């Protein structure tokens, strides 16, 4: 993956674009929230969520991905 300005990507793990729904819950919190996985790598996910949260917040995440007409989970 290269940047538009011509500099090579310096990440250890390349990012892969995704567009998958997810459900997340802040650890030890009672309610789950929805979001979208925008991209990911071996080291993490970039998600768009309905709630603001500080970087480093510990989450319990379930990523949903389509399989035919069903939704399967990756947790």
PDB file of N, CA and C in Angstrom:
ATOM      1  N   UNK A   1       0.848  -1.163   0.000  1.00  0.00           N
ATOM      2  CA  UNK A   1       0.000   0.000   0.000  1.00  0.00           C
ATOM      3  C   UNK A   1       0.894   1.226   0.000  1.00  0.00           C
ATOM      4  N   UNK A   2       0.674   2.160  -0.900  1.00  0.00           N
ATOM      5  CA  UNK A   2       1.484   3.365  -0.959  1.00  0.00           C
ATOM      6  C   UNK A   2       0.622   4.587  -0.711  1.00  0.00           C
ATOM      7  N   UNK A   3       1.258   5.614  -0.227  1.00  0.00           N
ATOM      8  CA  UNK A   3       0.559   6.866   0.009  1.00  0.00           C
ATOM      9  C   UNK A   3       0.502   7.660  -1.288  1.00  0.00           C
ATOM     10  N   UNK A   4      -0.414   8.613  -1.345  1.00  0.00           N
ATOM     11  CA  UNK A   4      -0.569   9.415  -2.545  1.00  0.00           C
ATOM     12  C   UNK A   4       0.640  10.301  -2.828  1.00  0.00           C
ATOM     13  N   UNK A   5       1.391  10.687  -1.786  1.00  0.00           N
ATOM     14  CA  UNK A   5       2.535  11.561  -1.996  1.00  0.00           C
ATOM     15  C   UNK A   5       3.782  10.789  -2.445  1.00  0.00           C
ATOM     16  N   UNK A   6       3.673   9.487  -2.675  1.00  0.00           N
ATOM     17  CA  UNK A   6       4.785   8.692  -3.184  1.00  0.00           C
ATOM     18  C   UNK A   6       5.615   8.011  -2.113  1.00  0.00           C
ATOM     19  N   UNK A   7       5.434   8.366  -0.839  1.00  0.00           N
ATOM     20  CA  UNK A   7       6.181   7.705   0.227  1.00  0.00           C
ATOM     21  C   UNK A   7       5.646   6.299   0.435  1.00  0.00           C
ATOM     22  N   UNK A   8       6.545   5.366   0.680  1.00  0.00           N
ATOM     23  CA  UNK A   8       6.104   3.988   0.914  1.00  0.00           C
ATOM     24  C   UNK A   8       5.431   3.853   2.269  1.00  0.00           C
ATOM     25  N   UNK A   9       4.535   2.909   2.341  1.00  0.00           N
ATOM     26  CA  UNK A   9       3.840   2.603   3.595  1.00  0.00           C
ATOM     27  C   UNK A   9       4.854   2.078   4.605  1.00  0.00           C
ATOM     28  N   UNK A  10       4.813   2.579   5.839  1.00  0.00           N
ATOM     29  CA  UNK A  10       5.779   2.170   6.854  1.00  0.00           C
ATOM     30  C   UNK A  10       5.185   1.264   7.913  1.00  0.00           C
ATOM     31  N   UNK A  11       3.938   0.899   7.784  1.00  0.00           N
ATOM     32  CA  UNK A  11       3.335   0.018   8.776  1.00  0.00           C
ATOM     33  C   UNK A  11       3.921  -1.381   8.669  1.00  0.00           C
ATOM     34  N   UNK A  12       3.979  -2.076   9.805  1.00  0.00           N
ATOM     35  CA  UNK A  12       4.446  -3.467   9.820  1.00  0.00           C
ATOM     36  C   UNK A  12       3.446  -4.383   9.138  1.00  0.00           C
ATOM     37  N   UNK A  13       2.171  -4.110   9.341  1.00  0.00           N
ATOM     38  CA  UNK A  13       1.105  -4.925   8.755  1.00  0.00           C
ATOM     39  C   UNK A  13       0.266  -4.048   7.831  1.00  0.00           C
ATOM     40  N   UNK A  14       0.145  -4.413   6.556  1.00  0.00           N
ATOM     41  CA  UNK A  14      -0.649  -3.594   5.633  1.00  0.00           C
ATOM     42  C   UNK A  14      -2.128  -3.590   6.011  1.00  0.00           C
ATOM     43  N   UNK A  15      -2.809  -2.486   5.724  1.00  0.00           N
ATOM     44  CA  UNK A  15      -4.236  -2.343   5.998  1.00  0.00           C
ATOM     45  C   UNK A  15      -5.039  -2.886   4.829  1.00  0.00           C
ATOM     46  N   UNK A  16      -6.160  -3.516   5.117  1.00  0.00           N
ATOM     47  CA  UNK A  16      -7.079  -4.009   4.099  1.00  0.00           C
ATOM     48  C   UNK A  16      -8.399  -3.265   4.249  1.00  0.00           C
ATOM     49  N   UNK A  17      -8.917  -2.734   3.145  1.00  0.00           N
ATOM     50  CA  UNK A  17     -10.198  -2.039   3.184  1.00  0.00           C
ATOM     51  C   UNK A  17     -11.319  -3.035   3.430  1.00  0.00           C
ATOM     52  N   UNK A  18     -12.278  -2.655   4.251  1.00  0.00           N
ATOM     53  CA  UNK A  18     -13.421  -3.492   4.591  1.00  0.00           C
ATOM     54  C   UNK A  18     -14.650  -2.600   4.694  1.00  0.00           C
ATOM     55  N   UNK A  19     -15.794  -3.183   4.643  1.00  0.00           N
ATOM     56  CA  UNK A  19     -17.051  -2.481   4.873  1.00  0.00           C
ATOM     57  C   UNK A  19     -17.989  -3.485   5.529  1.00  0.00           C
ATOM     58  N   UNK A  20     -17.754  -3.733   6.822  1.00  0.00           N
ATOM     59  CA  UNK A  20     -18.489  -4.764   7.546  1.00  0.00           C
ATOM     60  C   UNK A  20     -19.165  -4.168   8.782  1.00  0.00           C
ATOM     61  N   UNK A  21     -20.400  -4.578   9.061  1.00  0.00           N
ATOM     62  CA  UNK A  21     -21.047  -4.115  10.286  1.00  0.00           C
ATOM     63  C   UNK A  21     -20.428  -4.786  11.512  1.00  0.00           C
ATOM     64  N   UNK A  22     -20.466  -4.084  12.622  1.00  0.00           N
ATOM     65  CA  UNK A  22     -19.982  -4.669  13.865  1.00  0.00           C
ATOM     66  C   UNK A  22     -20.844  -4.222  15.014  1.00  0.00           C
ATOM     67  N   UNK A  23     -20.746  -4.980  16.079  1.00  0.00           N
ATOM     68  CA  UNK A  23     -21.383  -4.635  17.343  1.00  0.00           C
ATOM     69  C   UNK A  23     -20.271  -4.591  18.375  1.00  0.00           C
ATOM     70  N   UNK A  24     -20.234  -3.547  19.183  1.00  0.00           N
ATOM     71  CA  UNK A  24     -19.193  -3.460  20.203  1.00  0.00           C
ATOM     72  C   UNK A  24     -19.795  -3.022  21.523  1.00  0.00           C
ATOM     73  N   UNK A  25     -19.075  -3.370  22.573  1.00  0.00           N
ATOM     74  CA  UNK A  25     -19.466  -3.003  23.927  1.00  0.00           C
ATOM     75  C   UNK A  25     -18.188  -2.663  24.681  1.00  0.00           C
ATOM     76  N   UNK A  26     -18.191  -1.525  25.348  1.00  0.00           N
ATOM     77  CA  UNK A  26     -17.070  -1.196  26.224  1.00  0.00           C
ATOM     78  C   UNK A  26     -17.070  -2.246  27.326  1.00  0.00           C
ATOM     79  N   UNK A  27     -15.884  -2.796  27.640  1.00  0.00           N
ATOM     80  CA  UNK A  27     -15.812  -3.858  28.649  1.00  0.00           C
ATOM     81  C   UNK A  27     -16.488  -3.430  29.943  1.00  0.00           C
ATOM     82  N   UNK A  28     -17.268  -4.327  30.492  1.00  0.00           N
ATOM     83  CA  UNK A  28     -18.006  -4.132  31.737  1.00  0.00           C
ATOM     84  C   UNK A  28     -19.136  -3.104  31.627  1.00  0.00           C
ATOM     85  N   UNK A  29     -19.521  -2.724  30.408  1.00  0.00           N
ATOM     86  CA  UNK A  29     -20.666  -1.824  30.220  1.00  0.00           C
ATOM     87  C   UNK A  29     -21.877  -2.669  29.809  1.00  0.00           C
ATOM     88  N   UNK A  30     -23.087  -2.247  30.187  1.00  0.00           N
ATOM     89  CA  UNK A  30     -24.254  -3.082  29.931  1.00  0.00           C
ATOM     90  C   UNK A  30     -24.800  -3.032  28.504  1.00  0.00           C
ATOM     91  N   UNK A  31     -24.527  -1.967  27.737  1.00  0.00           N
ATOM     92  CA  UNK A  31     -25.171  -1.804  26.442  1.00  0.00           C
ATOM     93  C   UNK A  31     -24.196  -1.952  25.284  1.00  0.00           C
ATOM     94  N   UNK A  32     -24.669  -2.545  24.189  1.00  0.00           N
ATOM     95  CA  UNK A  32     -23.883  -2.672  22.962  1.00  0.00           C
ATOM     96  C   UNK A  32     -24.253  -1.544  22.006  1.00  0.00           C
ATOM     97  N   UNK A  33     -23.332  -1.212  21.113  1.00  0.00           N
ATOM     98  CA  UNK A  33     -23.529  -0.172  20.110  1.00  0.00           C
ATOM     99  C   UNK A  33     -23.127  -0.728  18.752  1.00  0.00           C
ATOM    100  N   UNK A  34     -23.591  -0.087  17.700  1.00  0.00           N
ATOM    101  CA  UNK A  34     -23.262  -0.516  16.349  1.00  0.00           C
ATOM    102  C   UNK A  34     -22.189   0.344  15.728  1.00  0.00           C
ATOM    103  N   UNK A  35     -21.566  -0.192  14.682  1.00  0.00           N
ATOM    104  CA  UNK A  35     -20.549   0.543  13.957  1.00  0.00           C
ATOM    105  C   UNK A  35     -20.217  -0.166  12.661  1.00  0.00           C
ATOM    106  N   UNK A  36     -19.228   0.367  11.961  1.00  0.00           N
ATOM    107  CA  UNK A  36     -18.767  -0.189  10.690  1.00  0.00           C
ATOM    108  C   UNK A  36     -17.248  -0.338  10.747  1.00  0.00           C
ATOM    109  N   UNK A  37     -16.742  -1.493  10.299  1.00  0.00           N
ATOM    110  CA  UNK A  37     -15.300  -1.684  10.164  1.00  0.00           C
ATOM    111  C   UNK A  37     -14.897  -1.071   8.821  1.00  0.00           C
ATOM    112  N   UNK A  38     -13.988  -0.091   8.835  1.00  0.00           N
ATOM    113  CA  UNK A  38     -13.542   0.581   7.611  1.00  0.00           C
ATOM    114  C   UNK A  38     -12.315  -0.101   7.023  1.00  0.00           C
ATOM    115  N   UNK A  39     -11.358  -0.449   7.883  1.00  0.00           N
ATOM    116  CA  UNK A  39     -10.190  -1.201   7.436  1.00  0.00           C
ATOM    117  C   UNK A  39      -9.573  -1.913   8.616  1.00  0.00           C
ATOM    118  N   UNK A  40      -8.680  -2.853   8.324  1.00  0.00           N
ATOM    119  CA  UNK A  40      -8.071  -3.622   9.397  1.00  0.00           C
ATOM    120  C   UNK A  40      -6.753  -4.238   8.979  1.00  0.00           C
ATOM    121  N   UNK A  41      -6.018  -4.684   9.961  1.00  0.00           N
ATOM    122  CA  UNK A  41      -4.754  -5.377   9.751  1.00  0.00           C
ATOM    123  C   UNK A  41      -4.581  -6.369  10.890  1.00  0.00           C
ATOM    124  N   UNK A  42      -3.413  -7.005  10.938  1.00  0.00           N
ATOM    125  CA  UNK A  42      -3.117  -7.913  12.045  1.00  0.00           C
ATOM    126  C   UNK A  42      -3.076  -7.176  13.375  1.00  0.00           C
ATOM    127  N   UNK A  43      -2.848  -5.874  13.339  1.00  0.00           N
ATOM    128  CA  UNK A  43      -2.665  -5.109  14.565  1.00  0.00           C
ATOM    129  C   UNK A  43      -3.900  -4.360  15.048  1.00  0.00           C
ATOM    130  N   UNK A  44      -4.961  -4.302  14.231  1.00  0.00           N
ATOM    131  CA  UNK A  44      -6.136  -3.598  14.709  1.00  0.00           C
ATOM    132  C   UNK A  44      -7.134  -3.280  13.623  1.00  0.00           C
ATOM    133  N   UNK A  45      -8.220  -2.622  14.045  1.00  0.00           N
ATOM    134  CA  UNK A  45      -9.304  -2.234  13.154  1.00  0.00           C
ATOM    135  C   UNK A  45      -9.532  -0.738  13.243  1.00  0.00           C
ATOM    136  N   UNK A  46      -9.892  -0.128  12.118  1.00  0.00           N
ATOM    137  CA  UNK A  46     -10.398   1.234  12.118  1.00  0.00           C
ATOM    138  C   UNK A  46     -11.904   1.104  12.007  1.00  0.00           C
ATOM    139  N   UNK A  47     -12.615   1.613  13.013  1.00  0.00           N
ATOM    140  CA  UNK A  47     -14.070   1.501  12.996  1.00  0.00           C
ATOM    141  C   UNK A  47     -14.689   2.884  13.040  1.00  0.00           C
ATOM    142  N   UNK A  48     -15.873   2.985  12.450  1.00  0.00           N
ATOM    143  CA  UNK A  48     -16.714   4.162  12.589  1.00  0.00           C
ATOM    144  C   UNK A  48     -17.817   3.757  13.549  1.00  0.00           C
ATOM    145  N   UNK A  49     -17.959   4.521  14.631  1.00  0.00           N
ATOM    146  CA  UNK A  49     -18.927   4.145  15.652  1.00  0.00           C
ATOM    147  C   UNK A  49     -19.889   5.287  15.932  1.00  0.00           C
ATOM    148  N   UNK A  50     -20.960   4.976  16.629  1.00  0.00           N
ATOM    149  CA  UNK A  50     -21.964   5.972  16.968  1.00  0.00           C
ATOM    150  C   UNK A  50     -21.597   6.737  18.244  1.00  0.00           C
ATOM    151  N   UNK A  51     -20.608   6.264  18.957  1.00  0.00           N
ATOM    152  CA  UNK A  51     -20.182   6.901  20.210  1.00  0.00           C
ATOM    153  C   UNK A  51     -18.717   7.310  20.103  1.00  0.00           C
ATOM    154  N   UNK A  52     -18.378   8.463  20.678  1.00  0.00           N
ATOM    155  CA  UNK A  52     -16.974   8.866  20.792  1.00  0.00           C
ATOM    156  C   UNK A  52     -16.352   8.105  21.954  1.00  0.00           C
ATOM    157  N   UNK A  53     -15.086   7.696  21.766  1.00  0.00           N
ATOM    158  CA  UNK A  53     -14.380   7.018  22.847  1.00  0.00           C
ATOM    159  C   UNK A  53     -12.895   7.308  22.716  1.00  0.00           C
ATOM    160  N   UNK A  54     -12.183   7.350  23.810  1.00  0.00           N
ATOM    161  CA  UNK A  54     -10.751   7.621  23.762  1.00  0.00           C
ATOM    162  C   UNK A  54      -9.978   6.462  23.118  1.00  0.00           C
ATOM    163  N   UNK A  55      -8.875   6.789  22.473  1.00  0.00           N
ATOM    164  CA  UNK A  55      -7.987   5.760  21.936  1.00  0.00           C
ATOM    165  C   UNK A  55      -7.525   4.886  23.087  1.00  0.00           C
ATOM    166  N   UNK A  56      -7.499   3.582  22.876  1.00  0.00           N
ATOM    167  CA  UNK A  56      -7.060   2.651  23.906  1.00  0.00           C
ATOM    168  C   UNK A  56      -8.191   2.063  24.733  1.00  0.00           C
ATOM    169  N   UNK A  57      -9.431   2.484  24.481  1.00  0.00           N
ATOM    170  CA  UNK A  57     -10.573   1.931  25.206  1.00  0.00           C
ATOM    171  C   UNK A  57     -10.687   0.444  24.895  1.00  0.00           C
ATOM    172  N   UNK A  58     -10.833  -0.372  25.907  1.00  0.00           N
ATOM    173  CA  UNK A  58     -10.962  -1.824  25.741  1.00  0.00           C
ATOM    174  C   UNK A  58     -12.400  -2.156  25.346  1.00  0.00           C
ATOM    175  N   UNK A  59     -12.549  -2.892  24.227  1.00  0.00           N
ATOM    176  CA  UNK A  59     -13.866  -3.217  23.691  1.00  0.00           C
ATOM    177  C   UNK A  59     -14.038  -4.717  23.523  1.00  0.00           C
ATOM    178  N   UNK A  60     -15.265  -5.153  23.622  1.00  0.00           N
ATOM    179  CA  UNK A  60     -15.670  -6.495  23.220  1.00  0.00           C
ATOM    180  C   UNK A  60     -16.351  -6.299  21.866  1.00  0.00           C
ATOM    181  N   UNK A  61     -15.788  -6.879  20.788  1.00  0.00           N
ATOM    182  CA  UNK A  61     -16.247  -6.622  19.420  1.00  0.00           C
ATOM    183  C   UNK A  61     -16.711  -7.905  18.758  1.00  0.00           C
ATOM    184  N   UNK A  62     -17.828  -7.801  18.042  1.00  0.00           N
ATOM    185  CA  UNK A  62     -18.315  -8.879  17.182  1.00  0.00           C
ATOM    186  C   UNK A  62     -18.447  -8.292  15.788  1.00  0.00           C
ATOM    187  N   UNK A  63     -17.676  -8.817  14.823  1.00  0.00           N
ATOM    188  CA  UNK A  63     -17.753  -8.370  13.437  1.00  0.00           C
ATOM    189  C   UNK A  63     -18.681  -9.326  12.693  1.00  0.00           C
ATOM    190  N   UNK A  64     -19.633  -8.779  11.955  1.00  0.00           N
ATOM    191  CA  UNK A  64     -20.581  -9.577  11.183  1.00  0.00           C
ATOM    192  C   UNK A  64     -20.151  -9.579   9.725  1.00  0.00           C
ATOM    193  N   UNK A  65     -20.183 -10.729   9.090  1.00  0.00           N
ATOM    194  CA  UNK A  65     -19.870 -10.775   7.670  1.00  0.00           C
ATOM    195  C   UNK A  65     -20.861 -11.677   6.965  1.00  0.00           C
ATOM    196  N   UNK A  66     -21.218 -11.316   5.713  1.00  0.00           N
ATOM    197  CA  UNK A  66     -22.259 -12.064   5.007  1.00  0.00           C
ATOM    198  C   UNK A  66     -21.770 -13.409   4.496  1.00  0.00           C
ATOM    199  N   UNK A  67     -22.654 -14.392   4.563  1.00  0.00           N
ATOM    200  CA  UNK A  67     -22.410 -15.693   3.960  1.00  0.00           C
ATOM    201  C   UNK A  67     -23.724 -16.093   3.305  1.00  0.00           C
ATOM    202  N   UNK A  68     -23.809 -15.854   2.002  1.00  0.00           N
ATOM    203  CA  UNK A  68     -25.073 -16.073   1.319  1.00  0.00           C
ATOM    204  C   UNK A  68     -26.099 -15.090   1.844  1.00  0.00           C
ATOM    205  N   UNK A  69     -27.231 -15.596   2.297  1.00  0.00           N
ATOM    206  CA  UNK A  69     -28.274 -14.729   2.844  1.00  0.00           C
ATOM    207  C   UNK A  69     -28.226 -14.686   4.369  1.00  0.00           C
ATOM    208  N   UNK A  70     -27.176 -15.224   4.966  1.00  0.00           N
ATOM    209  CA  UNK A  70     -27.042 -15.245   6.415  1.00  0.00           C
ATOM    210  C   UNK A  70     -25.944 -14.298   6.846  1.00  0.00           C
ATOM    211  N   UNK A  71     -25.936 -13.944   8.114  1.00  0.00           N
ATOM    212  CA  UNK A  71     -24.823 -13.202   8.704  1.00  0.00           C
ATOM    213  C   UNK A  71     -24.111 -14.119   9.676  1.00  0.00           C
ATOM    214  N   UNK A  72     -22.827 -14.242   9.524  1.00  0.00           N
ATOM    215  CA  UNK A  72     -21.991 -15.029  10.448  1.00  0.00           C
ATOM    216  C   UNK A  72     -21.195 -14.043  11.285  1.00  0.00           C
ATOM    217  N   UNK A  73     -20.657 -14.494  12.403  1.00  0.00           N
ATOM    218  CA  UNK A  73     -19.892 -13.609  13.269  1.00  0.00           C
ATOM    219  C   UNK A  73     -18.439 -14.003  13.306  1.00  0.00           C
ATOM    220  N   UNK A  74     -17.627 -13.012  13.575  1.00  0.00           N
ATOM    221  CA  UNK A  74     -16.214 -13.184  13.837  1.00  0.00           C
ATOM    222  C   UNK A  74     -15.966 -12.444  15.119  1.00  0.00           C
ATOM    223  N   UNK A  75     -15.694 -13.174  16.210  1.00  0.00           N
ATOM    224  CA  UNK A  75     -15.512 -12.490  17.491  1.00  0.00           C
ATOM    225  C   UNK A  75     -14.252 -12.953  18.163  1.00  0.00           C
TER     226      UNK A  75
END
